């Protein structure tokens, strides 16, 4: 059997391995199953992905680009995880962002933010399959945000997508656009609307595809008893409620140690609830986070993610 055929069998085996999860994965990524959204930093993952409001660092380029205005100084994040247990694979992320121009505040006790924010992002997913074949996916993104007043901000993220394998006909490239809006409703209560993959186009040698868009409505209540914050996200796809996300963080020691937790409730195509846990510590401008997710019913199983964010 030729190397090319062995590679084809390896890739088909990987897709078969997803088994009952394949319909869900196809909805999450492109209709061909590529460019799966594997999250970003461990802090957002520890919140079970309910991070459209609570994550306000450079990782907001992924969770909600409108929150980039909360970056008052340049910041960078590196992160990694092994998506599929017991397989030679790695997913890595890099983001660099900053806010600039004048500083604003919603009120004397509210958060400060800039008029503009911007970020650069990169990801890479590499899988080594049987017979020496491989599967690689990378993205490069640019994000920008603008605050027209003291209570609102809007943002967008544009991503270039590229995948390559040992089979030329499986290679693809494309682009996707995310939009975000963040608004302060009342003191410590925030609302966000994120349109993920609002526009997308994926090109293969013999066909074109797209990534199904999703709409996220998020509410957060921050500084509860001055020690914790919580967020709930409602994710709509194809006109129905596809997922409900809930996350919370508890401050154990101010600016030093936080405990994270959340639930990812998947309501269609393999209904189940996936718990997430995490810890985050800060020291001299560095933020180190570690998160765990537990999904025994999915091919991805238990995942451990680590990320390091640093104020430049």
Protein backbone atom coordinates (compact mmCIF):
# COMPACT_ATOMS: atom_id res chain seq x y z
CA UNK A 1 0.00 0.00 0.00
CA UNK A 2 1.38 3.42 -0.97
CA UNK A 3 2.18 6.09 1.60
CA UNK A 4 -0.56 8.28 0.14
CA UNK A 5 -3.20 5.61 0.66
CA UNK A 6 -1.94 4.95 4.18
CA UNK A 7 -2.26 8.65 4.92
CA UNK A 8 -5.81 8.66 3.57
CA UNK A 9 -6.68 5.72 5.79
CA UNK A 10 -5.13 7.47 8.80
CA UNK A 11 -7.17 10.61 8.24
CA UNK A 12 -10.36 8.62 7.70
CA UNK A 13 -9.57 6.75 10.91
CA UNK A 14 -9.30 10.04 12.78
CA UNK A 15 -12.70 11.12 11.49
CA UNK A 16 -14.17 7.73 12.31
CA UNK A 17 -12.69 7.99 15.80
CA UNK A 18 -14.94 10.97 16.48
CA UNK A 19 -17.89 8.63 15.92
CA UNK A 20 -21.00 10.01 17.57
CA UNK A 21 -19.32 13.38 18.03
CA UNK A 22 -18.92 14.00 14.29
CA UNK A 23 -22.25 15.87 13.77
CA UNK A 24 -21.40 18.22 16.63
CA UNK A 25 -17.88 18.78 15.35
CA UNK A 26 -19.16 19.52 11.87
CA UNK A 27 -21.39 22.24 13.31
CA UNK A 28 -18.61 23.68 15.43
CA UNK A 29 -16.06 23.86 12.60
CA UNK A 30 -16.47 23.98 8.86
CA UNK A 31 -18.97 21.63 7.26
CA UNK A 32 -16.00 19.47 6.30
CA UNK A 33 -14.93 19.16 9.94
CA UNK A 34 -11.87 21.42 9.74
CA UNK A 35 -10.99 24.51 11.83
CA UNK A 36 -12.61 23.32 15.04
CA UNK A 37 -12.86 26.04 17.73
CA UNK A 38 -10.66 24.72 20.53
CA UNK A 39 -10.93 27.73 22.81
CA UNK A 40 -8.18 30.07 23.92
CA UNK A 41 -6.60 30.69 27.31
CA UNK A 42 -6.95 28.41 30.34
CA UNK A 43 -8.81 31.12 32.26
CA UNK A 44 -11.60 31.24 29.69
CA UNK A 45 -11.65 27.45 29.53
CA UNK A 46 -11.88 27.23 33.34
CA UNK A 47 -15.06 29.30 32.99
CA UNK A 48 -16.40 26.64 30.56
CA UNK A 49 -16.13 29.17 27.75
CA UNK A 50 -18.49 31.64 29.45
CA UNK A 51 -15.90 34.33 28.79
CA UNK A 52 -17.53 36.87 26.47
CA UNK A 53 -17.50 39.38 29.36
CA UNK A 54 -15.16 38.16 32.10
CA UNK A 55 -12.05 37.81 29.90
CA UNK A 56 -10.70 41.31 29.24
CA UNK A 57 -7.10 40.67 28.26
CA UNK A 58 -5.65 40.01 24.80
CA UNK A 59 -7.56 36.70 24.73
CA UNK A 60 -10.68 38.80 24.16
CA UNK A 61 -9.70 38.73 20.47
CA UNK A 62 -11.16 35.20 20.54
CA UNK A 63 -13.90 35.44 23.18
CA UNK A 64 -15.27 38.91 22.36
CA UNK A 65 -13.15 41.46 20.46
CA UNK A 66 -15.13 44.38 21.92
CA UNK A 67 -13.35 43.78 25.25
CA UNK A 68 -9.93 44.70 23.84
CA UNK A 69 -10.58 48.30 24.93
CA UNK A 70 -10.09 47.13 28.54
CA UNK A 71 -6.38 46.58 27.81
CA UNK A 72 -4.64 49.62 29.26
CA UNK A 73 -1.10 48.33 28.55
CA UNK A 74 0.35 45.81 26.04
CA UNK A 75 -0.18 42.17 27.02
CA UNK A 76 0.75 38.81 25.48
CA UNK A 77 -0.54 35.27 26.08
CA UNK A 78 0.87 31.83 25.24
CA UNK A 79 -1.15 28.67 25.75
CA UNK A 80 -1.23 24.99 24.86
CA UNK A 81 -3.19 21.78 25.32
CA UNK A 82 -3.32 18.23 23.99
CA UNK A 83 -6.80 17.99 22.39
CA UNK A 84 -6.97 14.21 21.88
CA UNK A 85 -5.60 12.03 24.72
CA UNK A 86 -3.27 9.16 23.80
CA UNK A 87 -2.41 10.70 20.43
CA UNK A 88 0.61 12.74 19.33
CA UNK A 89 -1.07 16.13 18.93
CA UNK A 90 -0.80 19.69 20.21
CA UNK A 91 -2.88 22.88 19.98
CA UNK A 92 -1.01 26.13 20.70
CA UNK A 93 -2.11 29.77 20.78
CA UNK A 94 -0.42 33.19 20.82
CA UNK A 95 -2.07 36.59 21.24
CA UNK A 96 -0.66 40.09 21.68
CA UNK A 97 -2.91 43.06 22.34
CA UNK A 98 -3.07 46.57 23.73
CA UNK A 99 -5.36 49.56 24.23
CA UNK A 100 -4.39 53.06 23.16
CA UNK A 101 -5.37 56.72 23.06
CA UNK A 102 -7.28 58.32 25.96
CA UNK A 103 -8.41 56.44 29.05
CA UNK A 104 -12.11 56.30 29.91
CA UNK A 105 -14.14 55.07 32.88
CA UNK A 106 -17.82 54.23 33.28
CA UNK A 107 -17.87 55.83 36.76
CA UNK A 108 -15.29 56.52 39.51
CA UNK A 109 -15.62 52.92 40.79
CA UNK A 110 -16.04 51.25 37.40
CA UNK A 111 -13.37 49.73 35.15
CA UNK A 112 -11.11 51.92 33.10
CA UNK A 113 -10.64 51.35 29.39
CA UNK A 114 -9.18 52.92 26.27
CA UNK A 115 -10.87 54.46 23.27
CA UNK A 116 -9.29 51.85 20.95
CA UNK A 117 -7.93 48.33 21.33
CA UNK A 118 -6.12 45.98 18.95
CA UNK A 119 -4.69 42.45 18.96
CA UNK A 120 -2.77 39.96 16.82
CA UNK A 121 -3.45 36.22 17.20
CA UNK A 122 -2.00 32.93 15.96
CA UNK A 123 -2.97 29.28 16.47
CA UNK A 124 -1.59 25.93 15.33
CA UNK A 125 -3.07 22.44 15.61
CA UNK A 126 -0.76 19.56 14.70
CA UNK A 127 -1.64 15.86 14.71
CA UNK A 128 0.76 13.04 13.84
CA UNK A 129 -1.27 10.10 12.54
CA UNK A 130 -0.44 6.51 11.68
CA UNK A 131 2.17 5.64 9.01
CA UNK A 132 3.88 9.00 9.52
CA UNK A 133 1.05 11.09 8.06
CA UNK A 134 -0.02 14.38 9.60
CA UNK A 135 -2.81 16.92 9.89
CA UNK A 136 -2.06 20.62 10.49
CA UNK A 137 -4.28 23.67 10.88
CA UNK A 138 -3.17 27.26 11.51
CA UNK A 139 -4.86 30.63 11.83
CA UNK A 140 -3.60 34.22 11.86
CA UNK A 141 -5.91 36.96 13.06
CA UNK A 142 -6.19 40.72 13.49
CA UNK A 143 -8.68 42.31 15.90
CA UNK A 144 -9.77 45.87 16.66
CA UNK A 145 -12.16 47.50 19.13
CA UNK A 146 -13.65 50.97 19.64
CA UNK A 147 -15.53 52.54 22.56
CA UNK A 148 -17.87 55.28 21.28
CA UNK A 149 -18.81 56.30 24.85
CA UNK A 150 -18.27 55.35 28.50
CA UNK A 151 -20.71 52.43 28.49
CA UNK A 152 -20.30 50.61 25.18
CA UNK A 153 -17.63 49.08 22.99
CA UNK A 154 -17.68 47.26 19.66
CA UNK A 155 -15.05 45.07 18.05
CA UNK A 156 -14.24 42.69 15.23
CA UNK A 157 -11.78 39.87 14.58
CA UNK A 158 -10.66 38.77 11.11
CA UNK A 159 -8.91 35.40 10.77
CA UNK A 160 -7.05 33.76 7.90
CA UNK A 161 -7.34 29.95 8.03
CA UNK A 162 -5.03 27.35 6.49
CA UNK A 163 -4.94 23.54 6.72
CA UNK A 164 -2.65 21.02 5.07
CA UNK A 165 -2.34 17.25 5.12
CA UNK A 166 -0.61 14.49 3.15
CA UNK A 167 -3.54 14.54 0.74
CA UNK A 168 -3.57 17.60 -1.51
CA UNK A 169 -7.33 17.37 -2.04
CA UNK A 170 -7.85 17.71 1.74
CA UNK A 171 -5.87 20.97 1.98
CA UNK A 172 -7.89 24.13 2.48
CA UNK A 173 -7.69 27.83 3.19
CA UNK A 174 -10.18 30.54 4.00
CA UNK A 175 -11.20 33.39 6.27
CA UNK A 176 -13.73 34.18 8.97
CA UNK A 177 -15.08 37.29 10.69
CA UNK A 178 -16.31 37.70 14.29
CA UNK A 179 -18.19 40.73 15.67
CA UNK A 180 -18.69 41.74 19.29
CA UNK A 181 -20.54 44.32 21.40
CA UNK A 182 -20.17 44.94 25.14
CA UNK A 183 -22.45 47.23 27.17
CA UNK A 184 -22.71 48.16 30.84
CA UNK A 185 -26.37 47.89 31.91
CA UNK A 186 -26.03 48.80 35.58
CA UNK A 187 -23.28 48.90 38.15
CA UNK A 188 -21.46 45.53 37.95
CA UNK A 189 -23.97 44.13 35.42
CA UNK A 190 -22.78 43.76 31.83
CA UNK A 191 -24.22 42.46 28.57
CA UNK A 192 -22.46 41.19 25.44
CA UNK A 193 -23.52 40.07 21.99
CA UNK A 194 -20.98 38.12 19.92
CA UNK A 195 -21.54 36.96 16.34
CA UNK A 196 -18.92 34.27 15.73
CA UNK A 197 -18.10 33.31 12.13
CA UNK A 198 -20.57 35.96 10.95
CA UNK A 199 -18.88 35.60 7.59
CA UNK A 200 -16.71 32.68 6.52
CA UNK A 201 -15.43 31.02 3.36
CA UNK A 202 -13.37 27.80 3.23
CA UNK A 203 -11.86 26.73 -0.10
CA UNK A 204 -10.82 23.18 -1.00
CA UNK A 205 -9.37 22.16 -4.38
CA UNK A 206 -12.74 20.74 -5.52
CA UNK A 207 -15.34 22.52 -3.37
CA UNK A 208 -16.14 25.50 -1.18
CA UNK A 209 -17.61 25.44 2.31
CA UNK A 210 -18.39 27.75 5.20
CA UNK A 211 -18.46 27.63 8.98
CA UNK A 212 -21.94 27.79 10.45
CA UNK A 213 -22.28 31.10 12.34
CA UNK A 214 -23.28 31.27 15.99
CA UNK A 215 -24.79 34.07 18.07
CA UNK A 216 -23.86 34.44 21.74
CA UNK A 217 -25.88 36.44 24.29
CA UNK A 218 -23.94 36.95 27.54
CA UNK A 219 -24.76 38.44 30.95
CA UNK A 220 -22.34 38.92 33.82
CA UNK A 221 -22.57 40.06 37.42
CA UNK A 222 -19.21 41.21 38.65
CA UNK A 223 -17.67 41.93 42.06
CA UNK A 224 -20.28 39.94 43.97
CA UNK A 225 -19.49 40.70 47.63
CA UNK A 226 -16.22 42.06 46.20
CA UNK A 227 -14.88 38.50 45.86
CA UNK A 228 -16.47 36.80 42.85
CA UNK A 229 -17.96 37.26 39.39
CA UNK A 230 -20.29 35.09 37.31
CA UNK A 231 -21.35 34.88 33.68
CA UNK A 232 -23.99 33.04 31.65
CA UNK A 233 -23.84 32.65 27.85
CA UNK A 234 -26.64 31.51 25.56
CA UNK A 235 -25.29 30.18 22.26
CA UNK A 236 -27.66 30.07 19.28
CA UNK A 237 -26.90 28.24 16.06
CA UNK A 238 -29.20 27.59 13.11
CA UNK A 239 -32.03 29.43 14.89
CA UNK A 240 -32.08 27.32 18.06
CA UNK A 241 -30.45 27.33 21.47
CA UNK A 242 -27.43 25.10 20.89
CA UNK A 243 -25.50 25.51 24.13
CA UNK A 244 -25.72 27.10 27.56
CA UNK A 245 -22.51 28.12 29.32
CA UNK A 246 -22.15 29.19 32.95
CA UNK A 247 -18.91 30.17 34.67
CA UNK A 248 -17.74 31.84 37.87
CA UNK A 249 -14.47 32.91 39.47
CA UNK A 250 -13.76 33.32 43.17
CA UNK A 251 -10.96 35.53 44.48
CA UNK A 252 -9.12 33.59 47.21
CA UNK A 253 -6.31 36.13 47.60
CA UNK A 254 -6.53 39.55 45.96
CA UNK A 255 -4.42 39.81 42.79
CA UNK A 256 -2.79 36.49 43.66
CA UNK A 257 -5.09 33.44 43.46
CA UNK A 258 -8.45 32.79 41.78
CA UNK A 259 -10.53 29.60 41.59
CA UNK A 260 -12.54 29.06 38.39
CA UNK A 261 -15.44 26.75 37.59
CA UNK A 262 -18.13 26.30 34.99
CA UNK A 263 -20.56 24.07 33.10
CA UNK A 264 -20.88 23.59 29.35
CA UNK A 265 -24.41 22.31 28.65
CA UNK A 266 -24.67 20.97 25.10
CA UNK A 267 -28.32 20.82 24.12
CA UNK A 268 -28.25 19.23 20.64
CA UNK A 269 -26.27 16.47 18.88
CA UNK A 270 -25.12 14.53 21.91
CA UNK A 271 -26.77 16.30 24.85
CA UNK A 272 -24.57 16.35 27.93
CA UNK A 273 -23.07 18.65 30.56
CA UNK A 274 -19.29 19.09 30.68
CA UNK A 275 -17.75 20.42 33.94
CA UNK A 276 -14.70 22.70 33.90
CA UNK A 277 -12.33 23.66 36.71
CA UNK A 278 -9.37 26.00 36.85
CA UNK A 279 -6.98 28.08 38.92
CA UNK A 280 -5.29 31.35 38.09
CA UNK A 281 -2.46 33.10 39.86
CA UNK A 282 -0.94 36.53 39.28
CA UNK A 283 2.53 37.76 40.15
CA UNK A 284 4.40 40.85 38.95
CA UNK A 285 2.44 41.29 35.74
CA UNK A 286 2.27 37.57 34.93
CA UNK A 287 -0.99 35.61 34.95
CA UNK A 288 -0.61 31.81 34.95
CA UNK A 289 -3.77 29.73 34.51
CA UNK A 290 -4.44 25.98 34.50
CA UNK A 291 -7.78 24.41 33.57
CA UNK A 292 -9.35 20.96 33.33
CA UNK A 293 -12.42 19.78 31.42
CA UNK A 294 -14.06 16.37 31.77
CA UNK A 295 -16.07 14.93 28.88
CA UNK A 296 -15.96 11.10 28.95
CA UNK A 297 -18.59 10.85 26.20
CA UNK A 298 -16.46 12.68 23.62
CA UNK A 299 -13.34 11.62 21.73
CA UNK A 300 -11.52 14.58 23.27
CA UNK A 301 -12.16 13.17 26.77
CA UNK A 302 -10.38 14.94 29.61
CA UNK A 303 -8.35 18.00 28.59
CA UNK A 304 -5.71 19.93 30.53
CA UNK A 305 -4.88 23.43 29.33
CA UNK A 306 -2.23 25.89 30.49
CA UNK A 307 -1.70 29.51 29.50
CA UNK A 308 0.64 32.30 30.58
CA UNK A 309 -0.27 35.94 30.10
CA UNK A 310 2.28 38.69 30.68
CA UNK A 311 2.09 42.46 30.82
CA UNK A 312 4.72 43.75 28.42
